[in-house]
Amino acid sequence: MGSHSEEKNSRISKVLTFENPELVSRLCGEQNAHLHLLEKKIGLSIHVRGNQFTLQGGDWEVELAEKILNQLHELLESDHPIFLNDIEYAIRILSGNQSANLKKIFIDKVYISSNKKVITPKTINQKDYIDSIRKFDIVIGIGPAGTGKTYLAMAMAVSALVNKEVNRVVLARPAVEAGEHLGFLPGDLYEKVNPYLRPLYDALHDMMTFEEASRLIQKGVIEVAPLAFMRGRTLNDSFVILDEAQNATTEQMKMFLTRLGFSSKTVITGDVTQTDLPEGKMSGLIEAREILEGIKGIRFVFFSRDDVVRHPLVQEIIDAYEKMEQKKGNKTLTNT
């Protein structure tokens, strides 16, 4: 592959040449959709003629686009498919860290779901997260909605179960508005807590067939339960996930953390900006962050808006709310 560049009106022009016409076609995307997205998001122009790509724009923009195209081409050479969303993720990753390696991130297969969907990390923090889950027995993922905290933890749990690394998977959530006392009849209990556990079922059914998930739940191999059900138990040979942990109280968090038995892993996820606890109640997740951060064997992974892997508008929504919170904070400071 060769390249040359020249200065012109503070803009540069660079030519990239790729040998394989089939890979060039896949790199461009249907009707050059991948290239159009690169042009729009980075702010440069890309012209293709045969197997040659001419990049024109500012120095930084051309350099970034060159790195993205080279690394995506490398992924295609490894037989890894490229989708439009991957272009978004590649731009986000390499614009934040131009020394990042897309291949190391995208090719890490966490799990292949029942519908042949390959679940892989899409950001540097997501890659760090799954590597941490492999290495540490307790991992705490903190960050905004849509960053893959729960989904990737679920994929790791199902993968561990399928590979017989654990004997069961336990998925727990605080049922805040349901009271967490849970002292009612089973029918009432199910009706009250099921809406809080629904997102965990949804993620589970995205990874295995409904029939397979139902069979494993009936056998107790996979358990989806309110956090209060963890009390008094010791969980050996298990992969345990506590989701929405910002809604756990200090007492509940301590109770949950001390359930960990032999040959088990625990992943705790939450967004410390979204607590639904009653006013005056301290979030167990916020407190755990202060108490546990120095302990060996416990790993914290922090996600940001740059790790959001939902619709691109989700990032903008998070930004808008953060700006509003900052304005509120500034007004409070001004009025005191």
C-alpha atoms as a PDB file:
ATOM      1  CA  MET A   1       0.000   0.000   0.000  1.00  0.00           C
ATOM      2  CA  GLY A   2       1.415   3.422  -0.922  1.00  0.00           C
ATOM      3  CA  SER A   3       0.598   7.070  -0.157  1.00  0.00           C
ATOM      4  CA  HIS A   4       1.725  10.591  -0.985  1.00  0.00           C
ATOM      5  CA  SER A   5       0.674  14.024   0.264  1.00  0.00           C
ATOM      6  CA  GLU A   6       0.982  17.655  -0.790  1.00  0.00           C
ATOM      7  CA  GLU A   7       0.213  21.026   0.812  1.00  0.00           C
ATOM      8  CA  LYS A   8      -2.457  23.185  -0.828  1.00  0.00           C
ATOM      9  CA  ASN A   9      -4.257  26.178   0.711  1.00  0.00           C
ATOM     10  CA  SER A  10      -3.667  24.840   4.264  1.00  0.00           C
ATOM     11  CA  ARG A  11      -5.411  21.623   3.211  1.00  0.00           C
ATOM     12  CA  ILE A  12      -3.707  18.391   2.306  1.00  0.00           C
ATOM     13  CA  SER A  13      -4.465  15.622  -0.172  1.00  0.00           C
ATOM     14  CA  LYS A  14      -3.487  12.010   0.474  1.00  0.00           C
ATOM     15  CA  VAL A  15      -3.922   8.928  -1.707  1.00  0.00           C
ATOM     16  CA  LEU A  16      -4.396   5.441  -0.219  1.00  0.00           C
ATOM     17  CA  THR A  17      -4.163   2.335  -2.377  1.00  0.00           C
ATOM     18  CA  PHE A  18      -5.642  -1.041  -1.427  1.00  0.00           C
ATOM     19  CA  GLU A  19      -4.975  -4.163  -3.503  1.00  0.00           C
ATOM     20  CA  ASN A  20      -8.104  -6.327  -3.074  1.00  0.00           C
ATOM     21  CA  PRO A  21     -11.130  -4.971  -5.055  1.00  0.00           C
ATOM     22  CA  GLU A  22     -13.616  -7.033  -3.011  1.00  0.00           C
ATOM     23  CA  LEU A  23     -12.305  -5.617   0.285  1.00  0.00           C
ATOM     24  CA  VAL A  24     -12.375  -2.099  -1.218  1.00  0.00           C
ATOM     25  CA  SER A  25     -16.073  -2.571  -2.016  1.00  0.00           C
ATOM     26  CA  ARG A  26     -16.819  -3.751   1.557  1.00  0.00           C
ATOM     27  CA  LEU A  27     -14.719  -0.914   2.985  1.00  0.00           C
ATOM     28  CA  CYS A  28     -16.769   1.649   1.029  1.00  0.00           C
ATOM     29  CA  GLY A  29     -20.094   0.106   2.070  1.00  0.00           C
ATOM     30  CA  GLU A  30     -23.284  -0.062   0.048  1.00  0.00           C
ATOM     31  CA  GLN A  31     -23.462   3.003  -2.235  1.00  0.00           C
ATOM     32  CA  ASN A  32     -20.335   4.311  -0.449  1.00  0.00           C
ATOM     33  CA  ALA A  33     -22.341   4.733   2.786  1.00  0.00           C
ATOM     34  CA  HIS A  34     -19.266   4.157   4.985  1.00  0.00           C
ATOM     35  CA  LEU A  35     -17.301   6.853   3.193  1.00  0.00           C
ATOM     36  CA  HIS A  36     -20.194   9.329   3.284  1.00  0.00           C
ATOM     37  CA  LEU A  37     -20.423   8.855   7.054  1.00  0.00           C
ATOM     38  CA  LEU A  38     -16.671   9.425   7.435  1.00  0.00           C
ATOM     39  CA  GLU A  39     -16.911  12.603   5.347  1.00  0.00           C
ATOM     40  CA  LYS A  40     -19.853  13.917   7.352  1.00  0.00           C
ATOM     41  CA  LYS A  41     -18.534  13.074  10.818  1.00  0.00           C
ATOM     42  CA  ILE A  42     -14.872  14.039  10.323  1.00  0.00           C
ATOM     43  CA  GLY A  43     -15.261  16.902   7.842  1.00  0.00           C
ATOM     44  CA  LEU A  44     -13.233  16.008   4.760  1.00  0.00           C
ATOM     45  CA  SER A  45     -13.859  14.728   1.234  1.00  0.00           C
ATOM     46  CA  ILE A  46     -13.092  11.188   0.023  1.00  0.00           C
ATOM     47  CA  HIS A  47     -12.982  10.308  -3.680  1.00  0.00           C
ATOM     48  CA  VAL A  48     -12.680   6.698  -4.838  1.00  0.00           C
ATOM     49  CA  ARG A  49     -11.388   5.583  -8.203  1.00  0.00           C
ATOM     50  CA  GLY A  50     -10.837   1.859  -8.572  1.00  0.00           C
ATOM     51  CA  ASN A  51      -8.758   0.805  -5.597  1.00  0.00           C
ATOM     52  CA  GLN A  52      -7.505   4.337  -4.826  1.00  0.00           C
ATOM     53  CA  PHE A  53      -8.926   6.603  -2.120  1.00  0.00           C
ATOM     54  CA  THR A  54      -8.099  10.328  -2.302  1.00  0.00           C
ATOM     55  CA  LEU A  55      -8.579  12.103   1.049  1.00  0.00           C
ATOM     56  CA  GLN A  56      -8.753  15.915   1.032  1.00  0.00           C
ATOM     57  CA  GLY A  57      -9.126  18.156   4.050  1.00  0.00           C
ATOM     58  CA  GLY A  58      -7.338  19.540   7.077  1.00  0.00           C
ATOM     59  CA  ASP A  59      -4.190  17.850   8.331  1.00  0.00           C
ATOM     60  CA  TRP A  60      -5.799  16.285  11.420  1.00  0.00           C
ATOM     61  CA  GLU A  61      -8.952  15.191   9.565  1.00  0.00           C
ATOM     62  CA  VAL A  62      -7.022  13.470   6.759  1.00  0.00           C
ATOM     63  CA  GLU A  63      -4.692  11.729   9.224  1.00  0.00           C
ATOM     64  CA  LEU A  64      -7.662  10.466  11.248  1.00  0.00           C
ATOM     65  CA  ALA A  65      -9.542   9.208   8.172  1.00  0.00           C
ATOM     66  CA  GLU A  66      -6.373   7.482   6.930  1.00  0.00           C
ATOM     67  CA  LYS A  67      -5.954   5.628  10.247  1.00  0.00           C
ATOM     68  CA  ILE A  68      -9.612   4.613  10.279  1.00  0.00           C
ATOM     69  CA  LEU A  69      -9.569   3.301   6.696  1.00  0.00           C
ATOM     70  CA  ASN A  70      -6.293   1.423   7.202  1.00  0.00           C
ATOM     71  CA  GLN A  71      -7.515  -0.209  10.410  1.00  0.00           C
ATOM     72  CA  LEU A  72     -10.949  -1.075   8.989  1.00  0.00           C
ATOM     73  CA  HIS A  73      -9.243  -2.611   5.969  1.00  0.00           C
ATOM     74  CA  GLU A  74      -7.129  -4.694   8.354  1.00  0.00           C
ATOM     75  CA  LEU A  75     -10.318  -5.899  10.049  1.00  0.00           C
ATOM     76  CA  LEU A  76     -11.795  -6.892   6.685  1.00  0.00           C
ATOM     77  CA  GLU A  77      -8.581  -8.802   5.876  1.00  0.00           C
ATOM     78  CA  SER A  78      -9.193 -10.770   9.092  1.00  0.00           C
ATOM     79  CA  ASP A  79     -12.668 -11.704   7.776  1.00  0.00           C
ATOM     80  CA  HIS A  80     -14.405  -9.404  10.269  1.00  0.00           C
ATOM     81  CA  PRO A  81     -17.532  -7.749   8.777  1.00  0.00           C
ATOM     82  CA  ILE A  82     -17.887  -3.958   8.915  1.00  0.00           C
ATOM     83  CA  PHE A  83     -21.275  -2.320   9.486  1.00  0.00           C
ATOM     84  CA  LEU A  84     -22.305   1.332   9.418  1.00  0.00           C
ATOM     85  CA  ASN A  85     -22.361   1.453  13.238  1.00  0.00           C
ATOM     86  CA  ASP A  86     -18.747   0.256  13.259  1.00  0.00           C
ATOM     87  CA  ILE A  87     -17.759   3.373  11.311  1.00  0.00           C
ATOM     88  CA  GLU A  88     -19.328   5.498  14.095  1.00  0.00           C
ATOM     89  CA  TYR A  89     -17.459   3.544  16.759  1.00  0.00           C
ATOM     90  CA  ALA A  90     -14.166   3.696  14.823  1.00  0.00           C
ATOM     91  CA  ILE A  91     -14.439   7.493  14.488  1.00  0.00           C
ATOM     92  CA  ARG A  92     -15.220   7.859  18.172  1.00  0.00           C
ATOM     93  CA  ILE A  93     -12.380   5.577  19.302  1.00  0.00           C
ATOM     94  CA  LEU A  94      -9.613   6.914  17.060  1.00  0.00           C
ATOM     95  CA  SER A  95     -10.557  10.582  17.340  1.00  0.00           C
ATOM     96  CA  GLY A  96     -10.195  10.185  21.120  1.00  0.00           C
ATOM     97  CA  ASN A  97      -7.050   8.038  20.954  1.00  0.00           C
ATOM     98  CA  GLN A  98      -5.225   7.748  17.627  1.00  0.00           C
ATOM     99  CA  SER A  99      -2.931   5.025  18.976  1.00  0.00           C
ATOM    100  CA  ALA A 100      -5.931   2.734  19.665  1.00  0.00           C
ATOM    101  CA  ASN A 101      -6.089  -0.606  17.849  1.00  0.00           C
ATOM    102  CA  LEU A 102      -9.559  -1.296  16.384  1.00  0.00           C
ATOM    103  CA  LYS A 103      -8.682  -4.914  15.642  1.00  0.00           C
ATOM    104  CA  LYS A 104      -7.916  -5.675  19.301  1.00  0.00           C
ATOM    105  CA  ILE A 105     -11.235  -4.143  20.314  1.00  0.00           C
ATOM    106  CA  PHE A 106     -13.644  -5.326  17.584  1.00  0.00           C
ATOM    107  CA  ILE A 107     -12.305  -8.862  17.143  1.00  0.00           C
ATOM    108  CA  ASP A 108     -12.736  -9.792  20.825  1.00  0.00           C
ATOM    109  CA  LYS A 109     -15.794 -12.071  20.583  1.00  0.00           C
ATOM    110  CA  VAL A 110     -17.574 -12.108  23.921  1.00  0.00           C
ATOM    111  CA  TYR A 111     -20.429 -14.341  22.801  1.00  0.00           C
ATOM    112  CA  ILE A 112     -22.330 -15.446  19.692  1.00  0.00           C
ATOM    113  CA  SER A 113     -26.077 -15.275  20.353  1.00  0.00           C
ATOM    114  CA  SER A 114     -28.724 -17.779  19.232  1.00  0.00           C
ATOM    115  CA  ASN A 115     -29.486 -15.643  16.150  1.00  0.00           C
ATOM    116  CA  LYS A 116     -25.757 -15.662  15.234  1.00  0.00           C
ATOM    117  CA  LYS A 117     -25.268 -12.087  16.414  1.00  0.00           C
ATOM    118  CA  VAL A 118     -21.621 -11.618  17.443  1.00  0.00           C
ATOM    119  CA  ILE A 119     -21.353  -9.602  20.663  1.00  0.00           C
ATOM    120  CA  THR A 120     -18.084  -7.664  20.812  1.00  0.00           C
ATOM    121  CA  PRO A 121     -16.848  -4.529  22.591  1.00  0.00           C
ATOM    122  CA  LYS A 122     -17.281  -1.315  20.612  1.00  0.00           C
ATOM    123  CA  THR A 123     -15.204   1.153  22.642  1.00  0.00           C
ATOM    124  CA  ILE A 124     -11.902   1.183  24.533  1.00  0.00           C
ATOM    125  CA  ASN A 125     -13.728   1.228  27.891  1.00  0.00           C
ATOM    126  CA  GLN A 126     -15.944  -1.688  26.849  1.00  0.00           C
ATOM    127  CA  LYS A 127     -12.831  -3.681  25.940  1.00  0.00           C
ATOM    128  CA  ASP A 128     -11.285  -2.766  29.311  1.00  0.00           C
ATOM    129  CA  TYR A 129     -14.542  -3.833  30.993  1.00  0.00           C
ATOM    130  CA  ILE A 130     -14.670  -7.332  29.514  1.00  0.00           C
ATOM    131  CA  ASP A 131     -10.926  -7.830  30.071  1.00  0.00           C
ATOM    132  CA  SER A 132     -11.473  -6.816  33.720  1.00  0.00           C
ATOM    133  CA  ILE A 133     -14.377  -9.269  34.080  1.00  0.00           C
ATOM    134  CA  ARG A 134     -12.089 -12.038  32.808  1.00  0.00           C
ATOM    135  CA  LYS A 135      -9.330 -11.095  35.228  1.00  0.00           C
ATOM    136  CA  PHE A 136     -11.077  -9.912  38.430  1.00  0.00           C
ATOM    137  CA  ASP A 137     -13.691 -11.570  40.660  1.00  0.00           C
ATOM    138  CA  ILE A 138     -15.523  -8.310  41.394  1.00  0.00           C
ATOM    139  CA  VAL A 139     -15.958  -5.672  38.687  1.00  0.00           C
ATOM    140  CA  ILE A 140     -17.986  -2.498  39.148  1.00  0.00           C
ATOM    141  CA  GLY A 141     -19.057  -0.681  35.963  1.00  0.00           C
ATOM    142  CA  ILE A 142     -20.279   2.886  36.440  1.00  0.00           C
ATOM    143  CA  GLY A 143     -21.590   5.171  33.718  1.00  0.00           C
ATOM    144  CA  PRO A 144     -24.592   6.490  31.778  1.00  0.00           C
ATOM    145  CA  ALA A 145     -27.344   4.487  30.080  1.00  0.00           C
ATOM    146  CA  GLY A 146     -26.548   2.852  26.763  1.00  0.00           C
ATOM    147  CA  THR A 147     -22.870   2.161  27.436  1.00  0.00           C
ATOM    148  CA  GLY A 148     -23.278  -1.642  27.387  1.00  0.00           C
ATOM    149  CA  LYS A 149     -22.560  -2.177  31.101  1.00  0.00           C
ATOM    150  CA  THR A 150     -25.364  -4.676  31.681  1.00  0.00           C
ATOM    151  CA  TYR A 151     -25.510  -6.148  28.192  1.00  0.00           C
ATOM    152  CA  LEU A 152     -21.817  -7.058  28.068  1.00  0.00           C
ATOM    153  CA  ALA A 153     -21.915  -8.414  31.636  1.00  0.00           C
ATOM    154  CA  MET A 154     -24.879 -10.605  30.616  1.00  0.00           C
ATOM    155  CA  ALA A 155     -23.007 -11.804  27.525  1.00  0.00           C
ATOM    156  CA  MET A 156     -19.972 -12.675  29.668  1.00  0.00           C
ATOM    157  CA  ALA A 157     -22.226 -14.507  32.137  1.00  0.00           C
ATOM    158  CA  VAL A 158     -24.014 -16.551  29.452  1.00  0.00           C
ATOM    159  CA  SER A 159     -20.658 -17.316  27.800  1.00  0.00           C
ATOM    160  CA  ALA A 160     -19.234 -18.524  31.159  1.00  0.00           C
ATOM    161  CA  LEU A 161     -22.302 -20.742  31.643  1.00  0.00           C
ATOM    162  CA  VAL A 162     -22.150 -22.215  28.119  1.00  0.00           C
ATOM    163  CA  ASN A 163     -18.402 -22.891  28.528  1.00  0.00           C
ATOM    164  CA  LYS A 164     -19.066 -24.551  31.918  1.00  0.00           C
ATOM    165  CA  GLU A 165     -16.903 -22.040  33.788  1.00  0.00           C
ATOM    166  CA  VAL A 166     -19.798 -21.551  36.244  1.00  0.00           C
ATOM    167  CA  ASN A 167     -22.792 -23.687  37.221  1.00  0.00           C
ATOM    168  CA  ARG A 168     -25.359 -20.896  37.314  1.00  0.00           C
ATOM    169  CA  VAL A 169     -26.055 -17.269  36.546  1.00  0.00           C
ATOM    170  CA  VAL A 170     -27.832 -14.974  39.003  1.00  0.00           C
ATOM    171  CA  LEU A 171     -29.223 -11.650  37.762  1.00  0.00           C
ATOM    172  CA  ALA A 172     -30.442  -9.225  40.414  1.00  0.00           C
ATOM    173  CA  ARG A 173     -31.932  -5.727  40.507  1.00  0.00           C
ATOM    174  CA  PRO A 174     -33.219  -3.542  43.323  1.00  0.00           C
ATOM    175  CA  ALA A 175     -37.000  -3.229  43.036  1.00  0.00           C
ATOM    176  CA  VAL A 176     -37.076   0.275  44.513  1.00  0.00           C
ATOM    177  CA  GLU A 177     -40.726   1.215  44.121  1.00  0.00           C
ATOM    178  CA  ALA A 178     -41.811  -2.330  44.999  1.00  0.00           C
ATOM    179  CA  GLY A 179     -40.468  -1.656  48.472  1.00  0.00           C
ATOM    180  CA  GLU A 180     -37.861  -4.448  48.632  1.00  0.00           C
ATOM    181  CA  HIS A 181     -39.631  -5.829  51.722  1.00  0.00           C
ATOM    182  CA  LEU A 182     -41.372  -8.326  49.459  1.00  0.00           C
ATOM    183  CA  GLY A 183     -43.458  -9.821  52.208  1.00  0.00           C
ATOM    184  CA  PHE A 184     -46.457 -10.728  50.042  1.00  0.00           C
ATOM    185  CA  LEU A 185     -47.876 -13.841  48.435  1.00  0.00           C
ATOM    186  CA  PRO A 186     -45.929 -15.213  45.430  1.00  0.00           C
ATOM    187  CA  GLY A 187     -48.544 -14.009  42.898  1.00  0.00           C
ATOM    188  CA  ASP A 188     -48.486 -10.488  44.293  1.00  0.00           C
ATOM    189  CA  LEU A 189     -44.706 -10.609  44.459  1.00  0.00           C
ATOM    190  CA  TYR A 190     -44.369 -11.574  40.793  1.00  0.00           C
ATOM    191  CA  GLU A 191     -46.773  -8.834  39.703  1.00  0.00           C
ATOM    192  CA  LYS A 192     -44.939  -6.213  41.751  1.00  0.00           C
ATOM    193  CA  VAL A 193     -41.332  -6.990  40.890  1.00  0.00           C
ATOM    194  CA  ASN A 194     -41.602  -8.342  37.335  1.00  0.00           C
ATOM    195  CA  PRO A 195     -41.572  -4.882  35.677  1.00  0.00           C
ATOM    196  CA  TYR A 196     -38.251  -4.122  37.431  1.00  0.00           C
ATOM    197  CA  LEU A 197     -36.685  -7.374  36.223  1.00  0.00           C
ATOM    198  CA  ARG A 198     -38.043  -7.128  32.654  1.00  0.00           C
ATOM    199  CA  PRO A 199     -34.879  -5.449  31.195  1.00  0.00           C
ATOM    200  CA  LEU A 200     -32.788  -8.385  32.445  1.00  0.00           C
ATOM    201  CA  TYR A 201     -35.148 -10.875  30.768  1.00  0.00           C
ATOM    202  CA  ASP A 202     -35.029  -8.807  27.558  1.00  0.00           C
ATOM    203  CA  ALA A 203     -31.212  -8.885  27.469  1.00  0.00           C
ATOM    204  CA  LEU A 204     -31.221 -12.615  28.230  1.00  0.00           C
ATOM    205  CA  HIS A 205     -33.688 -13.370  25.422  1.00  0.00           C
ATOM    206  CA  ASP A 206     -31.487 -11.400  23.051  1.00  0.00           C
ATOM    207  CA  MET A 207     -28.682 -13.891  23.690  1.00  0.00           C
ATOM    208  CA  MET A 208     -30.495 -17.229  23.706  1.00  0.00           C
ATOM    209  CA  THR A 209     -33.816 -18.541  22.426  1.00  0.00           C
ATOM    210  CA  PHE A 210     -36.878 -17.938  24.575  1.00  0.00           C
ATOM    211  CA  GLU A 211     -37.298 -21.720  25.018  1.00  0.00           C
ATOM    212  CA  GLU A 212     -33.680 -22.238  26.127  1.00  0.00           C
ATOM    213  CA  ALA A 213     -33.773 -19.288  28.536  1.00  0.00           C
ATOM    214  CA  SER A 214     -37.113 -20.483  29.996  1.00  0.00           C
ATOM    215  CA  ARG A 215     -35.769 -24.032  30.451  1.00  0.00           C
ATOM    216  CA  LEU A 216     -32.656 -22.791  32.275  1.00  0.00           C
ATOM    217  CA  ILE A 217     -34.737 -20.444  34.460  1.00  0.00           C
ATOM    218  CA  GLN A 218     -37.130 -23.289  35.365  1.00  0.00           C
ATOM    219  CA  LYS A 219     -34.174 -25.514  36.311  1.00  0.00           C
ATOM    220  CA  GLY A 220     -32.699 -22.705  38.433  1.00  0.00           C
ATOM    221  CA  VAL A 221     -29.534 -22.564  36.313  1.00  0.00           C
ATOM    222  CA  ILE A 222     -30.396 -18.945  35.502  1.00  0.00           C
ATOM    223  CA  GLU A 223     -32.111 -16.933  38.215  1.00  0.00           C
ATOM    224  CA  VAL A 224     -33.580 -13.466  37.754  1.00  0.00           C
ATOM    225  CA  ALA A 225     -34.535 -12.023  41.125  1.00  0.00           C
ATOM    226  CA  PRO A 226     -34.982  -8.867  43.205  1.00  0.00           C
ATOM    227  CA  LEU A 227     -31.908  -7.882  45.216  1.00  0.00           C
ATOM    228  CA  ALA A 228     -33.708  -8.714  48.486  1.00  0.00           C
ATOM    229  CA  PHE A 229     -33.664 -12.400  47.489  1.00  0.00           C
ATOM    230  CA  MET A 230     -29.861 -12.450  47.871  1.00  0.00           C
ATOM    231  CA  ARG A 231     -30.054 -12.101  51.657  1.00  0.00           C
ATOM    232  CA  GLY A 232     -28.697 -15.059  53.642  1.00  0.00           C
ATOM    233  CA  ARG A 233     -27.267 -16.857  50.597  1.00  0.00           C
ATOM    234  CA  THR A 234     -23.727 -17.855  49.612  1.00  0.00           C
ATOM    235  CA  LEU A 235     -23.270 -18.072  45.846  1.00  0.00           C
ATOM    236  CA  ASN A 236     -20.594 -20.593  44.822  1.00  0.00           C
ATOM    237  CA  ASP A 237     -19.643 -21.446  41.213  1.00  0.00           C
ATOM    238  CA  SER A 238     -21.851 -18.599  40.036  1.00  0.00           C
ATOM    239  CA  PHE A 239     -21.724 -15.539  37.813  1.00  0.00           C
ATOM    240  CA  VAL A 240     -23.707 -12.877  39.664  1.00  0.00           C
ATOM    241  CA  ILE A 241     -24.802  -9.540  38.193  1.00  0.00           C
ATOM    242  CA  LEU A 242     -26.327  -6.675  40.153  1.00  0.00           C
ATOM    243  CA  ASP A 243     -27.897  -4.205  37.739  1.00  0.00           C
ATOM    244  CA  GLU A 244     -29.087  -0.637  38.519  1.00  0.00           C
ATOM    245  CA  ALA A 245     -26.929  -0.766  41.658  1.00  0.00           C
ATOM    246  CA  GLN A 246     -27.300   2.992  42.224  1.00  0.00           C
ATOM    247  CA  ASN A 247     -30.734   2.091  43.661  1.00  0.00           C
ATOM    248  CA  ALA A 248     -29.272  -0.233  46.292  1.00  0.00           C
ATOM    249  CA  THR A 249     -28.944   1.165  49.802  1.00  0.00           C
ATOM    250  CA  THR A 250     -25.705   0.944  51.786  1.00  0.00           C
ATOM    251  CA  GLU A 251     -27.045  -2.082  53.699  1.00  0.00           C
ATOM    252  CA  GLN A 252     -28.165  -3.855  50.530  1.00  0.00           C
ATOM    253  CA  MET A 253     -24.828  -3.255  48.806  1.00  0.00           C
ATOM    254  CA  LYS A 254     -22.890  -4.669  51.761  1.00  0.00           C
ATOM    255  CA  MET A 255     -25.269  -7.636  51.888  1.00  0.00           C
ATOM    256  CA  PHE A 256     -24.845  -8.289  48.152  1.00  0.00           C
ATOM    257  CA  LEU A 257     -21.046  -7.962  48.142  1.00  0.00           C
ATOM    258  CA  THR A 258     -20.728 -10.477  50.965  1.00  0.00           C
ATOM    259  CA  ARG A 259     -22.736 -13.153  49.060  1.00  0.00           C
ATOM    260  CA  LEU A 260     -19.745 -14.004  46.856  1.00  0.00           C
ATOM    261  CA  GLY A 261     -18.709 -17.625  47.288  1.00  0.00           C
ATOM    262  CA  PHE A 262     -15.902 -19.774  45.886  1.00  0.00           C
ATOM    263  CA  SER A 263     -15.247 -19.878  42.125  1.00  0.00           C
ATOM    264  CA  SER A 264     -17.690 -17.034  41.541  1.00  0.00           C
ATOM    265  CA  LYS A 265     -17.658 -13.692  39.771  1.00  0.00           C
ATOM    266  CA  THR A 266     -19.679 -10.590  40.531  1.00  0.00           C
ATOM    267  CA  VAL A 267     -20.369  -7.689  38.199  1.00  0.00           C
ATOM    268  CA  ILE A 268     -22.120  -4.610  39.576  1.00  0.00           C
ATOM    269  CA  THR A 269     -23.457  -1.975  37.188  1.00  0.00           C
ATOM    270  CA  GLY A 270     -25.083   1.396  37.702  1.00  0.00           C
ATOM    271  CA  ASP A 271     -25.367   5.069  36.853  1.00  0.00           C
ATOM    272  CA  VAL A 272     -24.638   7.229  39.911  1.00  0.00           C
ATOM    273  CA  THR A 273     -26.507  10.172  38.316  1.00  0.00           C
ATOM    274  CA  GLN A 274     -29.809   8.266  38.086  1.00  0.00           C
ATOM    275  CA  THR A 275     -30.665   7.121  41.611  1.00  0.00           C
ATOM    276  CA  ASP A 276     -34.356   6.539  42.425  1.00  0.00           C
ATOM    277  CA  LEU A 277     -33.831   6.150  46.168  1.00  0.00           C
ATOM    278  CA  PRO A 278     -35.961   8.271  48.531  1.00  0.00           C
ATOM    279  CA  GLU A 279     -34.475  11.636  49.468  1.00  0.00           C
ATOM    280  CA  GLY A 280     -31.924  11.306  52.251  1.00  0.00           C
ATOM    281  CA  LYS A 281     -31.071   7.680  51.402  1.00  0.00           C
ATOM    282  CA  MET A 282     -27.418   7.221  50.389  1.00  0.00           C
ATOM    283  CA  SER A 283     -26.770   5.168  47.250  1.00  0.00           C
ATOM    284  CA  GLY A 284     -24.830   2.010  48.104  1.00  0.00           C
ATOM    285  CA  LEU A 285     -23.043   2.250  44.754  1.00  0.00           C
ATOM    286  CA  ILE A 286     -21.737   5.762  45.426  1.00  0.00           C
ATOM    287  CA  GLU A 287     -20.587   4.687  48.872  1.00  0.00           C
ATOM    288  CA  ALA A 288     -19.010   1.461  47.562  1.00  0.00           C
ATOM    289  CA  ARG A 289     -16.946   3.523  45.146  1.00  0.00           C
ATOM    290  CA  GLU A 290     -15.446   5.446  48.080  1.00  0.00           C
ATOM    291  CA  ILE A 291     -15.007   2.426  50.353  1.00  0.00           C
ATOM    292  CA  LEU A 292     -13.703  -0.237  47.951  1.00  0.00           C
ATOM    293  CA  GLU A 293     -11.532   1.626  45.452  1.00  0.00           C
ATOM    294  CA  GLY A 294      -8.203   0.596  47.009  1.00  0.00           C
ATOM    295  CA  ILE A 295      -8.947  -3.127  47.414  1.00  0.00           C
ATOM    296  CA  LYS A 296      -6.926  -5.531  45.245  1.00  0.00           C
ATOM    297  CA  GLY A 297      -9.134  -7.912  43.299  1.00  0.00           C
ATOM    298  CA  ILE A 298     -11.911  -5.335  42.856  1.00  0.00           C
ATOM    299  CA  ARG A 299     -11.832  -3.380  39.604  1.00  0.00           C
ATOM    300  CA  PHE A 300     -13.791  -0.216  38.786  1.00  0.00           C
ATOM    301  CA  VAL A 301     -14.457   0.640  35.130  1.00  0.00           C
ATOM    302  CA  PHE A 302     -15.890   4.080  34.380  1.00  0.00           C
ATOM    303  CA  PHE A 303     -17.902   4.725  31.224  1.00  0.00           C
ATOM    304  CA  SER A 304     -18.704   8.097  29.652  1.00  0.00           C
ATOM    305  CA  ARG A 305     -21.009   9.456  26.958  1.00  0.00           C
ATOM    306  CA  ASP A 306     -18.331   8.388  24.425  1.00  0.00           C
ATOM    307  CA  ASP A 307     -19.172   4.756  25.248  1.00  0.00           C
ATOM    308  CA  VAL A 308     -22.878   5.074  24.387  1.00  0.00           C
ATOM    309  CA  VAL A 309     -23.635   2.401  21.788  1.00  0.00           C
ATOM    310  CA  ARG A 310     -27.312   3.110  21.272  1.00  0.00           C
ATOM    311  CA  HIS A 311     -28.821   5.464  18.691  1.00  0.00           C
ATOM    312  CA  PRO A 312     -26.488   8.485  18.136  1.00  0.00           C
ATOM    313  CA  LEU A 313     -29.229  10.750  19.539  1.00  0.00           C
ATOM    314  CA  VAL A 314     -28.797   9.092  22.958  1.00  0.00           C
ATOM    315  CA  GLN A 315     -25.383  10.776  23.254  1.00  0.00           C
ATOM    316  CA  GLU A 316     -26.907  14.157  22.475  1.00  0.00           C
ATOM    317  CA  ILE A 317     -29.707  13.575  25.008  1.00  0.00           C
ATOM    318  CA  ILE A 318     -27.140  12.732  27.722  1.00  0.00           C
ATOM    319  CA  ASP A 319     -25.205  15.899  26.814  1.00  0.00           C
ATOM    320  CA  ALA A 320     -28.350  18.032  26.979  1.00  0.00           C
ATOM    321  CA  TYR A 321     -29.249  16.736  30.446  1.00  0.00           C
ATOM    322  CA  GLU A 322     -25.666  17.195  31.687  1.00  0.00           C
ATOM    323  CA  LYS A 323     -25.744  20.830  30.520  1.00  0.00           C
ATOM    324  CA  MET A 324     -29.037  21.361  32.325  1.00  0.00           C
ATOM    325  CA  GLU A 325     -27.622  19.867  35.540  1.00  0.00           C
ATOM    326  CA  GLN A 326     -24.565  22.130  35.260  1.00  0.00           C
ATOM    327  CA  LYS A 327     -26.801  25.188  34.812  1.00  0.00           C
ATOM    328  CA  LYS A 328     -28.804  24.179  37.893  1.00  0.00           C
ATOM    329  CA  GLY A 329     -25.572  23.732  39.836  1.00  0.00           C
ATOM    330  CA  ASN A 330     -24.297  27.158  38.757  1.00  0.00           C
ATOM    331  CA  LYS A 331     -27.585  28.815  39.757  1.00  0.00           C
ATOM    332  CA  THR A 332     -27.431  27.149  43.176  1.00  0.00           C
ATOM    333  CA  LEU A 333     -23.876  28.415  43.670  1.00  0.00           C
ATOM    334  CA  THR A 334     -24.910  31.927  42.580  1.00  0.00           C
ATOM    335  CA  ASN A 335     -27.839  31.973  45.014  1.00  0.00           C
ATOM    336  CA  THR A 336     -25.804  30.833  48.042  1.00  0.00           C
END
